[in-house]
N, C-alpha and C. Protein backbone atom coordinates (compact mmCIF):
# COMPACT_ATOMS: atom_id res chain seq x y z
N UNK A 1 0.82 -1.17 0.00
CA UNK A 1 0.00 0.00 0.00
C UNK A 1 0.87 1.24 0.00
N UNK A 2 0.39 2.21 -0.68
CA UNK A 2 1.14 3.45 -0.80
C UNK A 2 0.87 4.33 0.40
N UNK A 3 1.90 5.03 0.75
CA UNK A 3 1.80 5.95 1.89
C UNK A 3 1.08 7.22 1.45
N UNK A 4 0.39 7.90 2.38
CA UNK A 4 -0.35 9.13 2.07
C UNK A 4 0.59 10.23 1.63
N UNK A 5 1.82 10.24 2.15
CA UNK A 5 2.78 11.28 1.76
C UNK A 5 3.23 11.09 0.33
N UNK A 6 3.34 9.86 -0.13
CA UNK A 6 3.78 9.63 -1.51
C UNK A 6 2.67 9.92 -2.50
N UNK A 7 1.43 9.76 -2.11
CA UNK A 7 0.32 10.06 -3.02
C UNK A 7 0.20 11.56 -3.27
N UNK A 8 0.38 12.35 -2.27
CA UNK A 8 0.22 13.79 -2.43
C UNK A 8 1.46 14.46 -2.97
N UNK A 9 2.60 13.77 -2.97
CA UNK A 9 3.83 14.40 -3.45
C UNK A 9 3.78 14.63 -4.95
N UNK A 10 3.17 13.75 -5.71
CA UNK A 10 3.14 13.90 -7.16
C UNK A 10 2.00 14.77 -7.66
N UNK A 11 0.96 14.94 -6.88
CA UNK A 11 -0.20 15.72 -7.30
C UNK A 11 0.07 17.21 -7.12
N UNK A 12 -0.41 18.04 -8.06
CA UNK A 12 -0.20 19.48 -7.90
C UNK A 12 -1.04 20.00 -6.74
N UNK A 13 -0.49 20.92 -5.99
CA UNK A 13 -1.20 21.51 -4.85
C UNK A 13 -2.12 22.62 -5.32
N UNK A 14 -3.25 22.66 -4.73
CA UNK A 14 -4.20 23.72 -5.05
C UNK A 14 -3.94 24.88 -4.11
N UNK A 15 -3.79 26.07 -4.69
CA UNK A 15 -3.55 27.26 -3.88
C UNK A 15 -4.84 27.78 -3.28
N UNK A 16 -4.71 28.69 -2.36
CA UNK A 16 -5.88 29.30 -1.75
C UNK A 16 -6.51 30.28 -2.73
N UNK A 17 -7.81 30.32 -2.74
CA UNK A 17 -8.55 31.21 -3.63
C UNK A 17 -8.52 32.62 -3.04
N UNK A 18 -8.07 33.59 -3.82
CA UNK A 18 -7.99 34.96 -3.35
C UNK A 18 -9.29 35.69 -3.68
N UNK A 19 -9.83 36.41 -2.73
CA UNK A 19 -11.06 37.16 -2.92
C UNK A 19 -10.81 38.59 -3.38
N UNK A 20 -9.56 39.00 -3.46
CA UNK A 20 -9.25 40.38 -3.84
C UNK A 20 -9.77 40.74 -5.23
N UNK A 21 -9.60 39.93 -6.27
CA UNK A 21 -10.16 40.31 -7.59
C UNK A 21 -11.69 40.40 -7.57
N UNK A 22 -12.35 39.53 -6.81
CA UNK A 22 -13.80 39.58 -6.72
C UNK A 22 -14.25 40.88 -6.05
N UNK A 23 -13.59 41.28 -5.00
CA UNK A 23 -13.92 42.53 -4.31
C UNK A 23 -13.66 43.72 -5.23
N UNK A 24 -12.60 43.67 -6.01
CA UNK A 24 -12.31 44.76 -6.97
C UNK A 24 -13.42 44.88 -8.01
N UNK A 25 -13.89 43.76 -8.53
CA UNK A 25 -14.95 43.79 -9.54
C UNK A 25 -16.25 44.32 -8.93
N UNK A 26 -16.59 43.91 -7.73
CA UNK A 26 -17.80 44.41 -7.08
C UNK A 26 -17.70 45.91 -6.83
N UNK A 27 -16.53 46.38 -6.42
CA UNK A 27 -16.34 47.81 -6.20
C UNK A 27 -16.49 48.59 -7.51
N UNK A 28 -15.93 48.07 -8.60
CA UNK A 28 -16.06 48.76 -9.89
C UNK A 28 -17.51 48.79 -10.36
N UNK A 29 -18.25 47.70 -10.16
CA UNK A 29 -19.66 47.70 -10.53
C UNK A 29 -20.46 48.69 -9.68
N UNK A 30 -20.16 48.74 -8.42
CA UNK A 30 -20.83 49.70 -7.55
C UNK A 30 -20.56 51.13 -8.00
N UNK A 31 -19.32 51.44 -8.31
CA UNK A 31 -18.99 52.79 -8.78
C UNK A 31 -19.69 53.10 -10.10
N UNK A 32 -19.73 52.12 -11.01
CA UNK A 32 -20.39 52.33 -12.30
C UNK A 32 -21.86 52.67 -12.11
N UNK A 33 -22.58 51.88 -11.30
CA UNK A 33 -24.01 52.12 -11.13
C UNK A 33 -24.28 53.40 -10.36
N UNK A 34 -23.42 53.77 -9.45
CA UNK A 34 -23.61 55.03 -8.73
C UNK A 34 -23.42 56.22 -9.66
N UNK A 35 -22.46 56.15 -10.56
CA UNK A 35 -22.20 57.27 -11.46
C UNK A 35 -23.14 57.30 -12.65
N UNK A 36 -23.69 56.16 -13.03
CA UNK A 36 -24.56 56.10 -14.21
C UNK A 36 -26.00 56.45 -13.89
N UNK A 37 -26.41 56.39 -12.63
CA UNK A 37 -27.81 56.66 -12.30
C UNK A 37 -27.99 58.14 -11.98
N UNK A 38 -29.25 58.57 -12.07
CA UNK A 38 -29.58 59.95 -11.74
C UNK A 38 -30.32 59.96 -10.41
N UNK A 39 -30.09 60.97 -9.62
CA UNK A 39 -30.69 61.05 -8.31
C UNK A 39 -31.64 62.23 -8.18
N UNK A 40 -32.12 62.75 -9.28
CA UNK A 40 -33.05 63.88 -9.21
C UNK A 40 -34.44 63.40 -9.58
N UNK A 41 -35.42 64.10 -9.10
CA UNK A 41 -36.80 63.77 -9.41
C UNK A 41 -37.20 64.52 -10.66
N UNK A 42 -37.83 63.81 -11.59
CA UNK A 42 -38.21 64.43 -12.85
C UNK A 42 -39.36 65.42 -12.65
N UNK A 43 -40.46 64.95 -12.10
CA UNK A 43 -41.64 65.80 -11.91
C UNK A 43 -42.28 65.41 -10.58
N UNK A 44 -42.72 66.39 -9.86
CA UNK A 44 -43.43 66.13 -8.62
C UNK A 44 -44.83 66.71 -8.73
N UNK A 45 -45.79 65.96 -8.22
CA UNK A 45 -47.17 66.42 -8.19
C UNK A 45 -47.61 66.49 -6.73
N UNK A 46 -48.28 67.57 -6.39
CA UNK A 46 -48.88 67.66 -5.07
C UNK A 46 -50.25 67.03 -5.14
N UNK A 47 -50.40 65.91 -4.47
CA UNK A 47 -51.68 65.22 -4.45
C UNK A 47 -52.41 65.55 -3.16
N UNK A 48 -53.63 65.94 -3.29
CA UNK A 48 -54.47 66.18 -2.13
C UNK A 48 -55.76 65.42 -2.35
N UNK A 49 -56.17 64.68 -1.36
CA UNK A 49 -57.41 63.94 -1.49
C UNK A 49 -58.58 64.90 -1.33
N UNK A 50 -59.63 64.61 -2.04
CA UNK A 50 -60.81 65.46 -1.95
C UNK A 50 -61.35 65.39 -0.53
N UNK A 51 -61.64 66.52 0.01
CA UNK A 51 -62.16 66.58 1.36
C UNK A 51 -61.11 66.96 2.39
N UNK A 52 -59.82 66.90 2.03
CA UNK A 52 -58.80 67.28 2.99
C UNK A 52 -58.60 68.78 3.03
N UNK A 53 -58.90 69.43 1.94
CA UNK A 53 -58.75 70.88 1.85
C UNK A 53 -60.00 71.41 1.17
N UNK A 54 -60.68 72.31 1.79
CA UNK A 54 -61.91 72.82 1.21
C UNK A 54 -61.65 73.89 0.16
N UNK A 55 -62.42 73.85 -0.91
CA UNK A 55 -62.34 74.88 -1.94
C UNK A 55 -63.25 76.03 -1.53
N UNK A 56 -62.95 77.21 -1.99
CA UNK A 56 -63.85 78.33 -1.71
C UNK A 56 -65.26 78.04 -2.22
N UNK A 57 -66.25 78.50 -1.48
CA UNK A 57 -67.64 78.17 -1.80
C UNK A 57 -68.08 78.76 -3.14
N UNK A 58 -67.49 79.87 -3.55
CA UNK A 58 -67.96 80.50 -4.79
C UNK A 58 -67.44 79.81 -6.05
N UNK A 59 -66.43 78.95 -5.92
CA UNK A 59 -65.90 78.24 -7.08
C UNK A 59 -66.57 76.87 -7.20
N UNK A 60 -67.20 76.65 -8.34
CA UNK A 60 -67.87 75.37 -8.59
C UNK A 60 -66.84 74.38 -9.12
N UNK A 61 -66.66 73.23 -8.46
CA UNK A 61 -65.66 72.29 -8.93
C UNK A 61 -66.10 71.57 -10.20
N UNK A 62 -65.12 71.13 -10.96
CA UNK A 62 -65.36 70.34 -12.15
C UNK A 62 -65.12 68.88 -11.81
N UNK A 63 -65.79 67.98 -12.50
CA UNK A 63 -65.67 66.56 -12.22
C UNK A 63 -65.07 65.87 -13.45
N UNK A 64 -63.91 65.26 -13.26
CA UNK A 64 -63.21 64.58 -14.36
C UNK A 64 -63.15 63.10 -14.05
N UNK A 65 -63.80 62.30 -14.90
CA UNK A 65 -63.76 60.86 -14.77
C UNK A 65 -62.67 60.32 -15.68
N UNK A 66 -61.73 59.57 -15.11
CA UNK A 66 -60.59 59.04 -15.87
C UNK A 66 -60.75 57.53 -15.99
N UNK A 67 -60.84 57.07 -17.23
CA UNK A 67 -60.88 55.65 -17.51
C UNK A 67 -59.57 55.23 -18.17
N UNK A 68 -59.37 53.93 -18.35
CA UNK A 68 -58.12 53.48 -19.00
C UNK A 68 -57.93 54.06 -20.40
N UNK A 69 -59.02 54.25 -21.12
CA UNK A 69 -58.92 54.79 -22.49
C UNK A 69 -59.83 55.99 -22.72
N UNK A 70 -60.43 56.53 -21.68
CA UNK A 70 -61.40 57.62 -21.89
C UNK A 70 -61.29 58.65 -20.78
N UNK A 71 -61.78 59.84 -21.12
CA UNK A 71 -61.90 60.94 -20.16
C UNK A 71 -63.30 61.53 -20.33
N UNK A 72 -63.88 61.95 -19.22
CA UNK A 72 -65.17 62.62 -19.29
C UNK A 72 -65.13 63.80 -18.32
N UNK A 73 -65.32 65.00 -18.85
CA UNK A 73 -65.33 66.21 -18.04
C UNK A 73 -66.78 66.63 -17.85
N UNK A 74 -67.25 66.60 -16.62
CA UNK A 74 -68.65 66.89 -16.28
C UNK A 74 -69.61 66.06 -17.12
N UNK A 75 -69.26 64.82 -17.34
CA UNK A 75 -70.13 63.90 -18.07
C UNK A 75 -69.98 63.91 -19.58
N UNK A 76 -69.17 64.80 -20.13
CA UNK A 76 -68.99 64.86 -21.58
C UNK A 76 -67.59 64.37 -21.94
N UNK A 77 -67.51 63.60 -23.01
CA UNK A 77 -66.24 63.01 -23.43
C UNK A 77 -65.23 64.09 -23.79
N UNK A 78 -63.99 63.83 -23.43
CA UNK A 78 -62.90 64.76 -23.72
C UNK A 78 -61.65 63.96 -24.03
N UNK A 79 -60.76 64.55 -24.81
CA UNK A 79 -59.48 63.91 -25.12
C UNK A 79 -58.41 64.50 -24.21
N UNK A 80 -57.39 63.72 -23.94
CA UNK A 80 -56.33 64.17 -23.03
C UNK A 80 -55.59 65.38 -23.59
N UNK A 81 -55.28 65.37 -24.88
CA UNK A 81 -54.55 66.50 -25.47
C UNK A 81 -55.44 67.74 -25.61
N UNK A 82 -56.75 67.57 -25.59
CA UNK A 82 -57.67 68.71 -25.68
C UNK A 82 -58.28 69.06 -24.33
N UNK A 83 -57.69 68.58 -23.25
CA UNK A 83 -58.23 68.85 -21.92
C UNK A 83 -58.23 70.35 -21.57
N UNK A 84 -57.16 71.11 -21.86
CA UNK A 84 -57.23 72.56 -21.59
C UNK A 84 -58.37 73.26 -22.34
N UNK A 85 -58.59 72.87 -23.58
CA UNK A 85 -59.67 73.48 -24.35
C UNK A 85 -61.03 73.07 -23.78
N UNK A 86 -61.15 71.83 -23.32
CA UNK A 86 -62.42 71.37 -22.75
C UNK A 86 -62.71 72.09 -21.44
N UNK A 87 -61.68 72.38 -20.65
CA UNK A 87 -61.87 73.14 -19.41
C UNK A 87 -62.31 74.56 -19.72
N UNK A 88 -61.73 75.16 -20.74
CA UNK A 88 -62.12 76.51 -21.13
C UNK A 88 -63.55 76.53 -21.68
N UNK A 89 -63.91 75.49 -22.43
CA UNK A 89 -65.25 75.42 -23.00
C UNK A 89 -66.31 75.19 -21.92
N UNK A 90 -65.91 74.56 -20.82
CA UNK A 90 -66.86 74.33 -19.73
C UNK A 90 -67.14 75.61 -18.95
N UNK A 91 -66.40 76.67 -19.23
CA UNK A 91 -66.62 77.95 -18.57
C UNK A 91 -66.15 77.96 -17.13
N UNK A 92 -65.13 77.18 -16.85
CA UNK A 92 -64.64 77.08 -15.48
C UNK A 92 -63.76 78.27 -15.14
N UNK A 93 -63.84 78.66 -13.87
CA UNK A 93 -62.94 79.70 -13.37
C UNK A 93 -61.50 79.17 -13.42
N UNK A 94 -60.51 80.03 -13.56
CA UNK A 94 -59.13 79.55 -13.65
C UNK A 94 -58.64 78.81 -12.40
N UNK A 95 -59.21 79.13 -11.23
CA UNK A 95 -58.78 78.48 -9.99
C UNK A 95 -59.76 77.42 -9.52
N UNK A 96 -60.74 77.07 -10.34
CA UNK A 96 -61.74 76.09 -9.93
C UNK A 96 -61.07 74.72 -9.79
N UNK A 97 -61.36 74.04 -8.69
CA UNK A 97 -60.75 72.72 -8.50
C UNK A 97 -61.36 71.68 -9.43
N UNK A 98 -60.55 70.69 -9.77
CA UNK A 98 -61.00 69.59 -10.59
C UNK A 98 -60.96 68.33 -9.74
N UNK A 99 -62.11 67.70 -9.56
CA UNK A 99 -62.19 66.46 -8.83
C UNK A 99 -61.95 65.31 -9.80
N UNK A 100 -60.93 64.53 -9.55
CA UNK A 100 -60.52 63.46 -10.45
C UNK A 100 -60.97 62.13 -9.85
N UNK A 101 -61.83 61.41 -10.58
CA UNK A 101 -62.29 60.09 -10.16
C UNK A 101 -61.69 59.05 -11.11
N UNK A 102 -61.11 58.02 -10.52
CA UNK A 102 -60.45 56.98 -11.31
C UNK A 102 -61.36 55.78 -11.44
N UNK A 103 -61.49 55.30 -12.67
CA UNK A 103 -62.25 54.07 -12.90
C UNK A 103 -61.34 52.87 -12.66
N UNK A 104 -61.93 51.72 -12.59
CA UNK A 104 -61.15 50.49 -12.41
C UNK A 104 -60.26 50.27 -13.63
N UNK A 105 -59.04 49.87 -13.38
CA UNK A 105 -58.11 49.57 -14.47
C UNK A 105 -57.22 50.73 -14.89
N UNK A 106 -57.35 51.88 -14.24
CA UNK A 106 -56.50 53.02 -14.57
C UNK A 106 -55.14 52.82 -13.90
N UNK A 107 -54.09 52.87 -14.71
CA UNK A 107 -52.75 52.69 -14.14
C UNK A 107 -52.16 54.03 -13.72
N UNK A 108 -51.03 53.94 -13.05
CA UNK A 108 -50.40 55.15 -12.50
C UNK A 108 -49.94 56.10 -13.60
N UNK A 109 -49.47 55.57 -14.72
CA UNK A 109 -48.99 56.43 -15.80
C UNK A 109 -50.13 57.27 -16.38
N UNK A 110 -51.31 56.67 -16.48
CA UNK A 110 -52.47 57.41 -16.99
C UNK A 110 -52.82 58.56 -16.03
N UNK A 111 -52.78 58.29 -14.73
CA UNK A 111 -53.05 59.34 -13.74
C UNK A 111 -52.02 60.45 -13.83
N UNK A 112 -50.76 60.10 -13.99
CA UNK A 112 -49.70 61.12 -14.10
C UNK A 112 -49.90 61.97 -15.35
N UNK A 113 -50.29 61.35 -16.46
CA UNK A 113 -50.54 62.11 -17.69
C UNK A 113 -51.68 63.11 -17.50
N UNK A 114 -52.75 62.68 -16.83
CA UNK A 114 -53.89 63.57 -16.60
C UNK A 114 -53.49 64.71 -15.67
N UNK A 115 -52.76 64.38 -14.60
CA UNK A 115 -52.34 65.43 -13.66
C UNK A 115 -51.38 66.42 -14.32
N UNK A 116 -50.54 65.94 -15.24
CA UNK A 116 -49.64 66.84 -15.97
C UNK A 116 -50.44 67.79 -16.86
N UNK A 117 -51.48 67.28 -17.50
CA UNK A 117 -52.32 68.14 -18.35
C UNK A 117 -53.07 69.16 -17.50
N UNK A 118 -53.52 68.76 -16.31
CA UNK A 118 -54.20 69.70 -15.43
C UNK A 118 -53.25 70.74 -14.85
N UNK A 119 -52.03 70.34 -14.63
CA UNK A 119 -51.04 71.28 -14.09
C UNK A 119 -50.78 72.43 -15.06
N UNK A 120 -50.80 72.13 -16.35
CA UNK A 120 -50.59 73.16 -17.38
C UNK A 120 -51.71 74.19 -17.33
N UNK A 121 -52.92 73.75 -17.04
CA UNK A 121 -54.06 74.67 -17.03
C UNK A 121 -54.11 75.53 -15.77
N UNK A 122 -53.46 75.09 -14.72
CA UNK A 122 -53.46 75.85 -13.47
C UNK A 122 -54.58 75.48 -12.52
N UNK A 123 -55.42 74.52 -12.90
CA UNK A 123 -56.50 74.07 -12.03
C UNK A 123 -55.93 73.13 -10.97
N UNK A 124 -56.27 73.35 -9.70
CA UNK A 124 -55.84 72.39 -8.68
C UNK A 124 -56.63 71.10 -8.80
N UNK A 125 -55.94 69.98 -8.66
CA UNK A 125 -56.58 68.68 -8.82
C UNK A 125 -56.74 68.02 -7.45
N UNK A 126 -57.89 67.41 -7.25
CA UNK A 126 -58.17 66.63 -6.05
C UNK A 126 -58.55 65.23 -6.51
N UNK A 127 -57.82 64.25 -6.03
CA UNK A 127 -58.06 62.86 -6.44
C UNK A 127 -59.01 62.22 -5.44
N UNK A 128 -60.11 61.69 -5.96
CA UNK A 128 -61.09 61.02 -5.12
C UNK A 128 -60.64 59.59 -4.84
N UNK A 129 -60.98 59.11 -3.68
CA UNK A 129 -60.63 57.72 -3.33
C UNK A 129 -61.56 56.75 -3.96
C-alpha cells in the first residue's frame, strides 16, 4: 500500500482562492451604477385627497372621470390633449378645482398624464378615493 505522503507528493497543490479580484470587480460595478444613475426627481405632483382641503364656496368644482382609455369632463367626453380646451369650453374659473375620479383599471402612468395636463391649465386637482 502506498503511503499518504507519496500520493500527495506527485499531485499538484491547489492554492488558496484569493477574494481580492472579486472585491475589486464588485467595487467597480458599484462605482459604475452610482455614477450612471440619476438622483433627481423628474416631476413632482402635489396630491391632495378630496375633502382634505376645502375649496372656496364661490368656485364650482369640475368633475373629471378618468378611464383606462377615456376621459369625461362633467359627463362629456374629452381627449387628453384637448383637456385645456375642454376646461375653457366648460366655462370654469381659472382656480376652480377639478375632482378626479379613477375608474377600475387606470394605471399610474395614466393618472400622471392627466395630472400633468391639469397642471398646465393651473386648475388644482383633487383625487377622489
